[in-house]
Amino acid sequence: MNPEMRFNVEGLIPAIVQDAATNEVLMMAYMNEEAYHLTVETGKAHYWSRSRGKLWLKGETSGHFQHVVSMQLDCDRDTLLLRVKQEGVACHLDRMSCFEEVVYGDTSGTMAIVNELQRIIHDRKANPKEGSYTNKLLTDEDKRLKKLVEEAAETVLAAKGKDMQAMTWEVADLIYHLMVVLEAAELPMEDVYRKLAERRK
């Protein structure tokens, strides 16, 4: 057994799974020692099913594989955090995340909207919708780049004027238009994150 990890009395350790690009929590499962080592050896997430009492490769039947980018161990050494590139969806209910049901509060003021909006923009590119503003931007390079410049300038002006309400509006517009530009360019976000990592000075 891996001496760095604290498996429970059943020989299992919880594994929280996040999307490597968005940090969205996709699911929670369990690993035993064999599942952990198979994950490390293959680069694909393997888990232990408590209900079926057997080892399973995520995506083996659905094709929704999880390609592991990194694994981290928490401070108590009894929980793993996996960041993965998810093929298809993570949830057996055909949802991206197993954590879509809100049972307290609301997510409208959280970063959850960024992932939802990103999926909508991606879907508009794959499945154009008549009358969609997003589709108009995706099919007109000059328009989407011009809008990005405009929104950046308006954000600067709002910040200069210390107008919090205007800044809220303009920053939201800027983020949305930047997301459309990134989708159209098909720029891998992991490349952007690596460059951001270089800014830690």
N, C-alpha and C. Protein backbone atom coordinates (compact mmCIF):
# COMPACT_ATOMS: atom_id res chain seq x y z
N MET A 1 0.84 -1.19 0.00
CA MET A 1 0.00 0.00 0.00
C MET A 1 0.88 1.25 0.00
N ASN A 2 0.46 2.27 -0.70
CA ASN A 2 1.26 3.49 -0.78
C ASN A 2 1.39 4.11 0.61
N PRO A 3 2.63 4.24 1.14
CA PRO A 3 2.82 4.74 2.51
C PRO A 3 2.44 6.21 2.69
N GLU A 4 2.33 6.94 1.58
CA GLU A 4 2.00 8.36 1.69
C GLU A 4 0.50 8.58 1.86
N MET A 5 -0.31 7.58 1.59
CA MET A 5 -1.76 7.75 1.62
C MET A 5 -2.37 7.00 2.80
N ARG A 6 -3.47 7.57 3.31
CA ARG A 6 -4.19 6.94 4.40
C ARG A 6 -5.50 6.39 3.84
N PHE A 7 -5.48 5.12 3.45
CA PHE A 7 -6.69 4.46 2.99
C PHE A 7 -7.57 4.13 4.21
N ASN A 8 -8.88 4.11 4.00
CA ASN A 8 -9.78 3.81 5.13
C ASN A 8 -9.78 2.31 5.44
N VAL A 9 -10.62 1.89 6.39
CA VAL A 9 -10.61 0.49 6.83
C VAL A 9 -11.03 -0.46 5.71
N GLU A 10 -11.72 0.09 4.69
CA GLU A 10 -12.11 -0.74 3.55
C GLU A 10 -11.04 -0.75 2.46
N GLY A 11 -9.92 -0.06 2.74
CA GLY A 11 -8.84 -0.01 1.76
C GLY A 11 -9.11 0.98 0.64
N LEU A 12 -9.95 1.99 0.92
CA LEU A 12 -10.34 2.97 -0.10
C LEU A 12 -9.93 4.38 0.30
N ILE A 13 -9.80 5.23 -0.72
CA ILE A 13 -9.52 6.64 -0.49
C ILE A 13 -10.44 7.43 -1.42
N PRO A 14 -11.13 8.47 -0.89
CA PRO A 14 -12.01 9.28 -1.74
C PRO A 14 -11.19 10.05 -2.78
N ALA A 15 -11.77 10.18 -3.98
CA ALA A 15 -11.12 10.93 -5.06
C ALA A 15 -12.11 11.96 -5.61
N ILE A 16 -11.78 13.23 -5.41
CA ILE A 16 -12.58 14.32 -5.95
C ILE A 16 -12.03 14.63 -7.34
N VAL A 17 -12.92 14.75 -8.33
CA VAL A 17 -12.48 14.92 -9.71
C VAL A 17 -12.91 16.28 -10.25
N GLN A 18 -11.94 17.04 -10.76
CA GLN A 18 -12.20 18.35 -11.34
C GLN A 18 -11.79 18.38 -12.80
N ASP A 19 -12.49 19.20 -13.58
CA ASP A 19 -12.08 19.47 -14.95
C ASP A 19 -10.79 20.28 -14.90
N ALA A 20 -9.76 19.83 -15.60
CA ALA A 20 -8.45 20.48 -15.55
C ALA A 20 -8.47 21.88 -16.14
N ALA A 21 -9.35 22.15 -17.09
CA ALA A 21 -9.39 23.46 -17.74
C ALA A 21 -10.23 24.47 -16.99
N THR A 22 -11.31 24.00 -16.34
CA THR A 22 -12.26 24.93 -15.72
C THR A 22 -12.31 24.86 -14.20
N ASN A 23 -11.72 23.82 -13.61
CA ASN A 23 -11.80 23.55 -12.17
C ASN A 23 -13.20 23.16 -11.70
N GLU A 24 -14.12 22.92 -12.63
CA GLU A 24 -15.45 22.48 -12.25
C GLU A 24 -15.36 21.10 -11.60
N VAL A 25 -16.03 20.93 -10.47
CA VAL A 25 -16.06 19.63 -9.81
C VAL A 25 -16.99 18.72 -10.61
N LEU A 26 -16.46 17.61 -11.07
CA LEU A 26 -17.22 16.71 -11.93
C LEU A 26 -17.89 15.57 -11.17
N MET A 27 -17.17 14.99 -10.22
CA MET A 27 -17.69 13.82 -9.51
C MET A 27 -16.81 13.50 -8.31
N MET A 28 -17.28 12.56 -7.51
CA MET A 28 -16.48 12.02 -6.41
C MET A 28 -16.61 10.50 -6.47
N ALA A 29 -15.49 9.83 -6.35
CA ALA A 29 -15.50 8.37 -6.40
C ALA A 29 -14.45 7.86 -5.40
N TYR A 30 -14.22 6.56 -5.41
CA TYR A 30 -13.24 5.96 -4.50
C TYR A 30 -12.20 5.18 -5.30
N MET A 31 -11.00 5.17 -4.77
CA MET A 31 -9.92 4.36 -5.33
C MET A 31 -9.41 3.40 -4.27
N ASN A 32 -9.05 2.20 -4.71
CA ASN A 32 -8.25 1.34 -3.84
C ASN A 32 -6.81 1.40 -4.36
N GLU A 33 -5.93 0.63 -3.75
CA GLU A 33 -4.52 0.69 -4.15
C GLU A 33 -4.35 0.34 -5.63
N GLU A 34 -5.05 -0.67 -6.09
CA GLU A 34 -4.92 -1.09 -7.49
C GLU A 34 -5.42 -0.02 -8.45
N ALA A 35 -6.56 0.60 -8.12
CA ALA A 35 -7.11 1.66 -8.97
C ALA A 35 -6.14 2.84 -9.06
N TYR A 36 -5.54 3.16 -7.92
CA TYR A 36 -4.57 4.26 -7.90
C TYR A 36 -3.39 3.95 -8.82
N HIS A 37 -2.82 2.77 -8.68
CA HIS A 37 -1.64 2.42 -9.49
C HIS A 37 -1.99 2.30 -10.98
N LEU A 38 -3.17 1.78 -11.30
CA LEU A 38 -3.59 1.71 -12.71
C LEU A 38 -3.78 3.11 -13.29
N THR A 39 -4.28 4.02 -12.47
CA THR A 39 -4.45 5.41 -12.92
C THR A 39 -3.10 6.03 -13.24
N VAL A 40 -2.15 5.82 -12.35
CA VAL A 40 -0.79 6.36 -12.56
C VAL A 40 -0.14 5.73 -13.79
N GLU A 41 -0.30 4.43 -13.95
CA GLU A 41 0.35 3.71 -15.06
C GLU A 41 -0.26 4.03 -16.43
N THR A 42 -1.58 4.21 -16.47
CA THR A 42 -2.26 4.40 -17.76
C THR A 42 -2.58 5.85 -18.08
N GLY A 43 -2.65 6.70 -17.06
CA GLY A 43 -3.05 8.08 -17.29
C GLY A 43 -4.55 8.25 -17.42
N LYS A 44 -5.30 7.15 -17.25
CA LYS A 44 -6.75 7.19 -17.29
C LYS A 44 -7.30 6.84 -15.91
N ALA A 45 -8.34 7.55 -15.49
CA ALA A 45 -8.88 7.37 -14.14
C ALA A 45 -9.54 6.00 -13.97
N HIS A 46 -9.09 5.28 -12.95
CA HIS A 46 -9.68 4.01 -12.53
C HIS A 46 -10.22 4.19 -11.11
N TYR A 47 -11.32 3.54 -10.82
CA TYR A 47 -11.94 3.66 -9.50
C TYR A 47 -12.37 2.29 -8.99
N TRP A 48 -12.77 2.27 -7.71
CA TRP A 48 -13.35 1.07 -7.13
C TRP A 48 -14.83 1.34 -6.89
N SER A 49 -15.68 0.50 -7.47
CA SER A 49 -17.13 0.64 -7.30
C SER A 49 -17.55 -0.09 -6.02
N ARG A 50 -18.04 0.66 -5.05
CA ARG A 50 -18.49 0.02 -3.80
C ARG A 50 -19.79 -0.76 -4.01
N SER A 51 -20.66 -0.25 -4.91
CA SER A 51 -21.94 -0.93 -5.13
C SER A 51 -21.76 -2.24 -5.89
N ARG A 52 -20.80 -2.24 -6.82
CA ARG A 52 -20.58 -3.46 -7.62
C ARG A 52 -19.46 -4.33 -7.07
N GLY A 53 -18.69 -3.75 -6.17
CA GLY A 53 -17.58 -4.49 -5.58
C GLY A 53 -16.52 -4.87 -6.59
N LYS A 54 -16.21 -3.94 -7.50
CA LYS A 54 -15.21 -4.24 -8.54
C LYS A 54 -14.50 -2.99 -9.02
N LEU A 55 -13.37 -3.22 -9.62
CA LEU A 55 -12.57 -2.15 -10.22
C LEU A 55 -13.24 -1.70 -11.52
N TRP A 56 -13.18 -0.39 -11.82
CA TRP A 56 -13.72 0.08 -13.10
C TRP A 56 -12.91 1.22 -13.68
N LEU A 57 -12.78 1.16 -14.99
CA LEU A 57 -12.13 2.22 -15.75
C LEU A 57 -13.21 3.19 -16.19
N LYS A 58 -13.12 4.43 -15.76
CA LYS A 58 -14.12 5.43 -16.14
C LYS A 58 -14.13 5.58 -17.66
N GLY A 59 -15.31 5.37 -18.27
CA GLY A 59 -15.44 5.50 -19.72
C GLY A 59 -15.33 4.20 -20.47
N GLU A 60 -15.09 3.11 -19.75
CA GLU A 60 -14.90 1.81 -20.41
C GLU A 60 -16.11 1.41 -21.25
N THR A 61 -17.31 1.69 -20.76
CA THR A 61 -18.52 1.36 -21.52
C THR A 61 -19.12 2.57 -22.22
N SER A 62 -18.98 3.76 -21.64
CA SER A 62 -19.60 4.97 -22.20
C SER A 62 -18.70 5.70 -23.20
N GLY A 63 -17.39 5.46 -23.11
CA GLY A 63 -16.45 6.22 -23.93
C GLY A 63 -16.08 7.55 -23.31
N HIS A 64 -16.61 7.84 -22.12
CA HIS A 64 -16.36 9.11 -21.44
C HIS A 64 -15.14 8.99 -20.52
N PHE A 65 -14.00 8.78 -21.12
CA PHE A 65 -12.76 8.60 -20.36
C PHE A 65 -12.32 9.88 -19.67
N GLN A 66 -11.58 9.71 -18.59
CA GLN A 66 -10.98 10.83 -17.89
C GLN A 66 -9.47 10.69 -17.98
N HIS A 67 -8.85 11.62 -18.71
CA HIS A 67 -7.40 11.62 -18.87
C HIS A 67 -6.80 12.49 -17.76
N VAL A 68 -6.04 11.87 -16.90
CA VAL A 68 -5.57 12.55 -15.70
C VAL A 68 -4.39 13.48 -16.01
N VAL A 69 -4.56 14.74 -15.63
CA VAL A 69 -3.52 15.75 -15.80
C VAL A 69 -2.66 15.82 -14.55
N SER A 70 -3.29 15.73 -13.39
CA SER A 70 -2.54 15.77 -12.13
C SER A 70 -3.35 15.12 -11.02
N MET A 71 -2.64 14.66 -9.98
CA MET A 71 -3.27 14.16 -8.76
C MET A 71 -2.59 14.82 -7.58
N GLN A 72 -3.40 15.25 -6.61
CA GLN A 72 -2.88 15.88 -5.41
C GLN A 72 -3.47 15.19 -4.18
N LEU A 73 -2.69 15.20 -3.11
CA LEU A 73 -3.11 14.58 -1.86
C LEU A 73 -3.38 15.69 -0.84
N ASP A 74 -4.48 15.57 -0.09
CA ASP A 74 -4.80 16.63 0.87
C ASP A 74 -3.88 16.55 2.09
N CYS A 75 -4.00 17.55 2.97
CA CYS A 75 -3.07 17.68 4.10
C CYS A 75 -3.18 16.52 5.10
N ASP A 76 -4.35 15.88 5.17
CA ASP A 76 -4.51 14.72 6.05
C ASP A 76 -4.11 13.42 5.36
N ARG A 77 -3.77 13.52 4.08
CA ARG A 77 -3.30 12.39 3.28
C ARG A 77 -4.36 11.30 3.13
N ASP A 78 -5.64 11.71 3.22
CA ASP A 78 -6.70 10.71 3.11
C ASP A 78 -7.75 11.03 2.03
N THR A 79 -7.44 12.00 1.17
CA THR A 79 -8.33 12.34 0.05
C THR A 79 -7.50 12.78 -1.14
N LEU A 80 -7.85 12.31 -2.32
CA LEU A 80 -7.15 12.69 -3.54
C LEU A 80 -7.96 13.72 -4.33
N LEU A 81 -7.26 14.58 -5.03
CA LEU A 81 -7.87 15.52 -5.97
C LEU A 81 -7.29 15.23 -7.34
N LEU A 82 -8.17 14.85 -8.28
CA LEU A 82 -7.73 14.59 -9.66
C LEU A 82 -8.19 15.73 -10.55
N ARG A 83 -7.29 16.23 -11.38
CA ARG A 83 -7.67 17.16 -12.43
C ARG A 83 -7.57 16.39 -13.74
N VAL A 84 -8.66 16.40 -14.50
CA VAL A 84 -8.74 15.54 -15.68
C VAL A 84 -9.21 16.30 -16.91
N LYS A 85 -8.87 15.73 -18.07
CA LYS A 85 -9.48 16.14 -19.32
C LYS A 85 -10.62 15.15 -19.56
N GLN A 86 -11.83 15.65 -19.48
CA GLN A 86 -13.01 14.80 -19.56
C GLN A 86 -13.47 14.63 -21.00
N GLU A 87 -13.56 13.38 -21.45
CA GLU A 87 -14.19 13.11 -22.74
C GLU A 87 -15.69 12.98 -22.49
N GLY A 88 -16.50 13.67 -23.26
CA GLY A 88 -17.94 13.60 -23.07
C GLY A 88 -18.33 14.19 -21.73
N VAL A 89 -19.20 13.49 -21.00
CA VAL A 89 -19.69 13.98 -19.71
C VAL A 89 -19.23 13.06 -18.59
N ALA A 90 -19.24 13.60 -17.37
CA ALA A 90 -18.78 12.81 -16.23
C ALA A 90 -19.91 12.04 -15.55
N CYS A 91 -21.12 12.59 -15.60
CA CYS A 91 -22.24 12.02 -14.85
C CYS A 91 -22.99 10.97 -15.66
N HIS A 92 -23.46 9.93 -14.99
CA HIS A 92 -24.22 8.87 -15.67
C HIS A 92 -25.60 9.35 -16.13
N LEU A 93 -26.01 10.55 -15.64
CA LEU A 93 -27.29 11.13 -16.08
C LEU A 93 -27.10 12.03 -17.29
N ASP A 94 -25.96 11.88 -17.96
CA ASP A 94 -25.64 12.63 -19.18
C ASP A 94 -25.46 14.12 -18.90
N ARG A 95 -24.94 14.44 -17.74
CA ARG A 95 -24.61 15.82 -17.36
C ARG A 95 -23.10 15.94 -17.27
N MET A 96 -22.61 17.15 -17.46
CA MET A 96 -21.16 17.33 -17.35
C MET A 96 -20.69 17.02 -15.93
N SER A 97 -21.44 17.48 -14.94
CA SER A 97 -21.05 17.29 -13.55
C SER A 97 -22.14 16.53 -12.79
N CYS A 98 -21.72 15.75 -11.81
CA CYS A 98 -22.68 15.07 -10.93
C CYS A 98 -23.29 16.04 -9.92
N PHE A 99 -22.73 17.26 -9.83
CA PHE A 99 -23.16 18.21 -8.81
C PHE A 99 -23.96 19.37 -9.42
N GLU A 100 -25.04 19.05 -10.11
CA GLU A 100 -25.85 20.10 -10.72
C GLU A 100 -27.06 20.50 -9.87
N GLU A 101 -27.49 19.63 -8.97
CA GLU A 101 -28.68 19.93 -8.16
C GLU A 101 -28.32 20.87 -7.01
N VAL A 102 -28.96 22.03 -6.97
CA VAL A 102 -28.72 23.02 -5.92
C VAL A 102 -29.71 22.75 -4.78
N VAL A 103 -29.20 22.46 -3.58
CA VAL A 103 -30.07 22.17 -2.44
C VAL A 103 -30.06 23.29 -1.40
N TYR A 104 -29.18 24.27 -1.59
CA TYR A 104 -29.15 25.42 -0.67
C TYR A 104 -28.53 26.60 -1.39
N GLY A 105 -29.07 27.79 -1.18
CA GLY A 105 -28.51 29.00 -1.79
C GLY A 105 -28.69 28.98 -3.30
N ASP A 106 -27.86 29.75 -3.99
CA ASP A 106 -27.90 29.72 -5.44
C ASP A 106 -26.51 30.00 -6.00
N THR A 107 -26.27 29.58 -7.23
CA THR A 107 -24.94 29.65 -7.82
C THR A 107 -24.76 30.84 -8.77
N SER A 108 -25.77 31.71 -8.86
CA SER A 108 -25.71 32.79 -9.85
C SER A 108 -24.59 33.78 -9.59
N GLY A 109 -24.14 33.89 -8.34
CA GLY A 109 -23.05 34.81 -8.04
C GLY A 109 -21.71 34.12 -7.91
N THR A 110 -21.60 32.95 -8.52
CA THR A 110 -20.35 32.19 -8.43
C THR A 110 -19.77 31.94 -9.82
N MET A 111 -18.58 31.37 -9.86
CA MET A 111 -17.93 31.09 -11.14
C MET A 111 -18.60 29.97 -11.92
N ALA A 112 -19.63 29.35 -11.34
CA ALA A 112 -20.33 28.28 -12.05
C ALA A 112 -20.87 28.77 -13.39
N ILE A 113 -21.25 30.04 -13.47
CA ILE A 113 -21.81 30.57 -14.71
C ILE A 113 -20.77 30.58 -15.83
N VAL A 114 -19.50 30.69 -15.50
CA VAL A 114 -18.45 30.73 -16.52
C VAL A 114 -18.41 29.40 -17.27
N ASN A 115 -18.46 28.30 -16.52
CA ASN A 115 -18.46 26.98 -17.16
C ASN A 115 -19.72 26.76 -17.99
N GLU A 116 -20.87 27.19 -17.45
CA GLU A 116 -22.12 27.04 -18.19
C GLU A 116 -22.09 27.85 -19.48
N LEU A 117 -21.62 29.10 -19.38
CA LEU A 117 -21.55 29.96 -20.56
C LEU A 117 -20.56 29.41 -21.58
N GLN A 118 -19.46 28.87 -21.11
CA GLN A 118 -18.48 28.29 -22.02
C GLN A 118 -19.07 27.13 -22.81
N ARG A 119 -19.88 26.31 -22.14
CA ARG A 119 -20.52 25.19 -22.83
C ARG A 119 -21.53 25.68 -23.87
N ILE A 120 -22.26 26.75 -23.53
CA ILE A 120 -23.24 27.31 -24.47
C ILE A 120 -22.54 27.85 -25.71
N ILE A 121 -21.44 28.59 -25.50
CA ILE A 121 -20.69 29.15 -26.63
C ILE A 121 -20.15 28.04 -27.52
N HIS A 122 -19.61 27.00 -26.88
CA HIS A 122 -19.09 25.86 -27.63
C HIS A 122 -20.21 25.18 -28.43
N ASP A 123 -21.37 25.04 -27.79
CA ASP A 123 -22.51 24.41 -28.46
C ASP A 123 -23.00 25.24 -29.64
N ARG A 124 -22.98 26.57 -29.49
CA ARG A 124 -23.40 27.44 -30.59
C ARG A 124 -22.48 27.27 -31.80
N LYS A 125 -21.21 27.02 -31.53
CA LYS A 125 -20.28 26.81 -32.64
C LYS A 125 -20.56 25.47 -33.32
N ALA A 126 -20.82 24.46 -32.51
CA ALA A 126 -21.07 23.12 -33.06
C ALA A 126 -22.47 22.99 -33.66
N ASN A 127 -23.43 23.69 -33.05
CA ASN A 127 -24.83 23.62 -33.48
C ASN A 127 -25.41 25.03 -33.59
N PRO A 128 -25.11 25.72 -34.69
CA PRO A 128 -25.56 27.12 -34.85
C PRO A 128 -27.07 27.27 -34.65
N LYS A 129 -27.42 28.37 -33.99
CA LYS A 129 -28.83 28.66 -33.71
C LYS A 129 -29.21 29.98 -34.38
N GLU A 130 -30.25 29.93 -35.18
CA GLU A 130 -30.67 31.12 -35.92
C GLU A 130 -31.03 32.25 -34.96
N GLY A 131 -30.50 33.45 -35.26
CA GLY A 131 -30.78 34.62 -34.44
C GLY A 131 -29.88 34.76 -33.24
N SER A 132 -28.97 33.83 -33.03
CA SER A 132 -28.07 33.86 -31.87
C SER A 132 -26.98 34.92 -32.06
N TYR A 133 -26.85 35.80 -31.08
CA TYR A 133 -25.80 36.83 -31.13
C TYR A 133 -24.43 36.16 -31.10
N THR A 134 -24.32 35.10 -30.32
CA THR A 134 -23.05 34.38 -30.24
C THR A 134 -22.64 33.84 -31.61
N ASN A 135 -23.61 33.29 -32.34
CA ASN A 135 -23.31 32.78 -33.68
C ASN A 135 -22.90 33.89 -34.64
N LYS A 136 -23.52 35.06 -34.49
CA LYS A 136 -23.13 36.19 -35.34
C LYS A 136 -21.67 36.56 -35.11
N LEU A 137 -21.26 36.51 -33.86
CA LEU A 137 -19.86 36.81 -33.54
C LEU A 137 -18.93 35.71 -34.05
N LEU A 138 -19.34 34.46 -33.87
CA LEU A 138 -18.49 33.34 -34.28
C LEU A 138 -18.27 33.29 -35.78
N THR A 139 -19.22 33.82 -36.55
CA THR A 139 -19.09 33.76 -38.01
C THR A 139 -18.53 35.04 -38.61
N ASP A 140 -18.25 36.03 -37.77
CA ASP A 140 -17.74 37.32 -38.28
C ASP A 140 -16.53 37.74 -37.46
N GLU A 141 -15.35 37.42 -37.97
CA GLU A 141 -14.12 37.69 -37.23
C GLU A 141 -13.94 39.17 -36.91
N ASP A 142 -14.17 40.03 -37.88
CA ASP A 142 -14.00 41.47 -37.65
C ASP A 142 -14.94 41.97 -36.55
N LYS A 143 -16.17 41.49 -36.57
CA LYS A 143 -17.16 41.92 -35.57
C LYS A 143 -16.75 41.50 -34.16
N ARG A 144 -16.34 40.24 -33.99
CA ARG A 144 -16.01 39.76 -32.64
C ARG A 144 -14.73 40.42 -32.11
N LEU A 145 -13.75 40.68 -32.99
CA LEU A 145 -12.52 41.33 -32.53
C LEU A 145 -12.76 42.80 -32.21
N LYS A 146 -13.59 43.44 -33.02
CA LYS A 146 -13.94 44.84 -32.77
C LYS A 146 -14.68 44.97 -31.44
N LYS A 147 -15.60 44.04 -31.17
CA LYS A 147 -16.35 44.08 -29.92
C LYS A 147 -15.45 43.86 -28.71
N LEU A 148 -14.45 43.01 -28.87
CA LEU A 148 -13.52 42.76 -27.77
C LEU A 148 -12.75 44.04 -27.43
N VAL A 149 -12.29 44.74 -28.45
CA VAL A 149 -11.58 46.01 -28.23
C VAL A 149 -12.50 47.03 -27.59
N GLU A 150 -13.73 47.12 -28.08
CA GLU A 150 -14.70 48.07 -27.54
C GLU A 150 -14.97 47.81 -26.06
N GLU A 151 -15.19 46.55 -25.73
CA GLU A 151 -15.52 46.21 -24.34
C GLU A 151 -14.33 46.44 -23.42
N ALA A 152 -13.12 46.21 -23.93
CA ALA A 152 -11.92 46.48 -23.12
C ALA A 152 -11.81 47.98 -22.83
N ALA A 153 -12.05 48.80 -23.85
CA ALA A 153 -11.98 50.25 -23.67
C ALA A 153 -13.06 50.74 -22.70
N GLU A 154 -14.26 50.21 -22.82
CA GLU A 154 -15.36 50.61 -21.94
C GLU A 154 -15.10 50.17 -20.49
N THR A 155 -14.43 49.03 -20.32
CA THR A 155 -14.06 48.58 -18.98
C THR A 155 -13.06 49.54 -18.36
N VAL A 156 -12.09 49.99 -19.15
CA VAL A 156 -11.08 50.94 -18.67
C VAL A 156 -11.74 52.25 -18.25
N LEU A 157 -12.66 52.74 -19.06
CA LEU A 157 -13.34 53.99 -18.76
C LEU A 157 -14.19 53.88 -17.49
N ALA A 158 -14.85 52.75 -17.32
CA ALA A 158 -15.65 52.54 -16.12
C ALA A 158 -14.76 52.47 -14.88
N ALA A 159 -13.60 51.82 -15.01
CA ALA A 159 -12.66 51.73 -13.89
C ALA A 159 -12.08 53.10 -13.56
N LYS A 160 -11.78 53.86 -14.60
CA LYS A 160 -11.23 55.21 -14.39
C LYS A 160 -12.24 56.09 -13.67
N GLY A 161 -13.52 55.92 -14.02
CA GLY A 161 -14.56 56.71 -13.38
C GLY A 161 -15.04 56.16 -12.06
N LYS A 162 -14.46 55.03 -11.65
CA LYS A 162 -14.81 54.38 -10.38
C LYS A 162 -16.32 54.14 -10.26
N ASP A 163 -16.92 53.78 -11.39
CA ASP A 163 -18.35 53.48 -11.44
C ASP A 163 -18.52 51.97 -11.32
N MET A 164 -18.83 51.50 -10.10
CA MET A 164 -18.89 50.07 -9.84
C MET A 164 -19.99 49.38 -10.66
N GLN A 165 -21.14 50.04 -10.81
CA GLN A 165 -22.22 49.43 -11.57
C GLN A 165 -21.84 49.28 -13.04
N ALA A 166 -21.23 50.33 -13.60
CA ALA A 166 -20.79 50.27 -15.00
C ALA A 166 -19.67 49.26 -15.16
N MET A 167 -18.78 49.18 -14.18
CA MET A 167 -17.68 48.22 -14.25
C MET A 167 -18.21 46.78 -14.27
N THR A 168 -19.22 46.51 -13.43
CA THR A 168 -19.82 45.18 -13.38
C THR A 168 -20.35 44.80 -14.76
N TRP A 169 -21.06 45.71 -15.38
CA TRP A 169 -21.64 45.47 -16.70
C TRP A 169 -20.55 45.26 -17.75
N GLU A 170 -19.55 46.16 -17.75
CA GLU A 170 -18.52 46.12 -18.79
C GLU A 170 -17.58 44.93 -18.63
N VAL A 171 -17.25 44.57 -17.39
CA VAL A 171 -16.38 43.40 -17.17
C VAL A 171 -17.10 42.13 -17.64
N ALA A 172 -18.40 42.04 -17.36
CA ALA A 172 -19.17 40.88 -17.83
C ALA A 172 -19.16 40.81 -19.36
N ASP A 173 -19.35 41.97 -20.02
CA ASP A 173 -19.31 42.01 -21.48
C ASP A 173 -17.92 41.62 -22.00
N LEU A 174 -16.89 42.12 -21.32
CA LEU A 174 -15.52 41.83 -21.75
C LEU A 174 -15.21 40.34 -21.65
N ILE A 175 -15.60 39.74 -20.53
CA ILE A 175 -15.34 38.31 -20.34
C ILE A 175 -16.09 37.48 -21.38
N TYR A 176 -17.36 37.81 -21.61
CA TYR A 176 -18.15 37.07 -22.60
C TYR A 176 -17.52 37.17 -23.98
N HIS A 177 -17.18 38.38 -24.42
CA HIS A 177 -16.62 38.54 -25.76
C HIS A 177 -15.24 37.89 -25.89
N LEU A 178 -14.46 37.90 -24.80
CA LEU A 178 -13.17 37.21 -24.81
C LEU A 178 -13.38 35.71 -24.94
N MET A 179 -14.39 35.18 -24.26
CA MET A 179 -14.68 33.75 -24.35
C MET A 179 -15.07 33.35 -25.77
N VAL A 180 -15.82 34.20 -26.45
CA VAL A 180 -16.20 33.93 -27.84
C VAL A 180 -14.96 33.94 -28.73
N VAL A 181 -14.08 34.91 -28.52
CA VAL A 181 -12.85 34.98 -29.31
C VAL A 181 -11.99 33.74 -29.09
N LEU A 182 -11.88 33.29 -27.85
CA LEU A 182 -11.09 32.10 -27.54
C LEU A 182 -11.70 30.85 -28.17
N GLU A 183 -13.03 30.75 -28.15
CA GLU A 183 -13.70 29.60 -28.76
C GLU A 183 -13.47 29.58 -30.26
N ALA A 184 -13.58 30.74 -30.89
CA ALA A 184 -13.38 30.82 -32.34
C ALA A 184 -11.94 30.46 -32.71
N ALA A 185 -10.99 30.87 -31.87
CA ALA A 185 -9.57 30.61 -32.14
C ALA A 185 -9.16 29.19 -31.78
N GLU A 186 -9.99 28.50 -30.98
CA GLU A 186 -9.68 27.15 -30.49
C GLU A 186 -8.33 27.13 -29.77
N LEU A 187 -8.11 28.17 -28.99
CA LEU A 187 -6.87 28.26 -28.22
C LEU A 187 -6.96 27.37 -26.99
N PRO A 188 -6.05 26.42 -26.82
CA PRO A 188 -6.07 25.55 -25.64
C PRO A 188 -5.81 26.36 -24.37
N MET A 189 -6.74 26.30 -23.42
CA MET A 189 -6.59 27.09 -22.20
C MET A 189 -5.39 26.64 -21.37
N GLU A 190 -5.00 25.36 -21.50
CA GLU A 190 -3.83 24.92 -20.73
C GLU A 190 -2.57 25.69 -21.13
N ASP A 191 -2.51 26.13 -22.42
CA ASP A 191 -1.38 26.94 -22.86
C ASP A 191 -1.41 28.30 -22.17
N VAL A 192 -2.61 28.85 -22.02
CA VAL A 192 -2.76 30.14 -21.33
C VAL A 192 -2.39 29.99 -19.85
N TYR A 193 -2.84 28.91 -19.23
CA TYR A 193 -2.54 28.69 -17.81
C TYR A 193 -1.03 28.55 -17.57
N ARG A 194 -0.34 27.88 -18.51
CA ARG A 194 1.10 27.74 -18.35
C ARG A 194 1.79 29.10 -18.42
N LYS A 195 1.29 29.97 -19.29
CA LYS A 195 1.85 31.32 -19.37
C LYS A 195 1.54 32.12 -18.11
N LEU A 196 0.33 31.93 -17.58
CA LEU A 196 -0.02 32.60 -16.33
C LEU A 196 0.89 32.14 -15.21
N ALA A 197 1.25 30.86 -15.21
CA ALA A 197 2.14 30.32 -14.18
C ALA A 197 3.48 31.02 -14.18
N GLU A 198 3.90 31.48 -15.36
CA GLU A 198 5.17 32.18 -15.47
C GLU A 198 5.11 33.58 -14.88
N ARG A 199 3.89 34.06 -14.61
CA ARG A 199 3.72 35.41 -14.05
C ARG A 199 3.86 35.45 -12.54
N ARG A 200 4.08 34.29 -11.93
CA ARG A 200 4.18 34.25 -10.47
C ARG A 200 5.55 34.74 -10.02
N LYS A 201 5.70 36.01 -9.98
CA LYS A 201 7.00 36.61 -9.62
C LYS A 201 6.82 37.62 -8.49
